[in-house]
């Protein structure tokens, strides 16, 4: 998994903010002409939107099919408009949203007793059914490892005990950062402030 510098995290947060605002406002989103080398590598990530500390949207890409910066752009726009659990974000909500990015490691199979809450995210799959929960979800909801596993089964549309009956269990780790934990030195509504070296 990529280990990002503070400057690279700021770059991605500002890019996510630009992308979600452009999507909501139906404005053209300019792809940056220059970017840090690390975020130009293939990467998987999720973008989570919070409003007043509550979930407002979360979309991501588990497979590293695009450069990380493109993954973040696409995920941010989709979190605002295409998370079917919520109505699309409206323009008046933009100033109330906080952006959080989770950059994911590759997945690997593990046994239930190897799950570490706060370290691992989980994906459970059986046939065409698949569910994924990010590492921070279990921490926020005070789940133990088996509750985390059961809730991931639920997310997949499976029975809570599907992991005992042949469902595939995979884990991943995530580097998680947000506008709250990684100040971007600009107000959330500002769209034109990249770090100076990347303008």
Foldseek 3Di string as FASTA:
>chain_A
DDDDDLQQVLQLQLLLLLLQLCLQVVHDRDDFPFHDPQQQDQFWKKKWKDFPNHTQFIDIDQDRPGRNSVRSSVRSNCRQPPRVVHHHHHNVCQLRIKIKMWTKDHKDFDDLVPDDQLFKWKWKDDVPFIFTDASVVCVVVVHDSLVNQLVRCVRSVHHSCVVVVDITMMIIGIDMDICVRRPSPDRSVDNPDRPPVRD
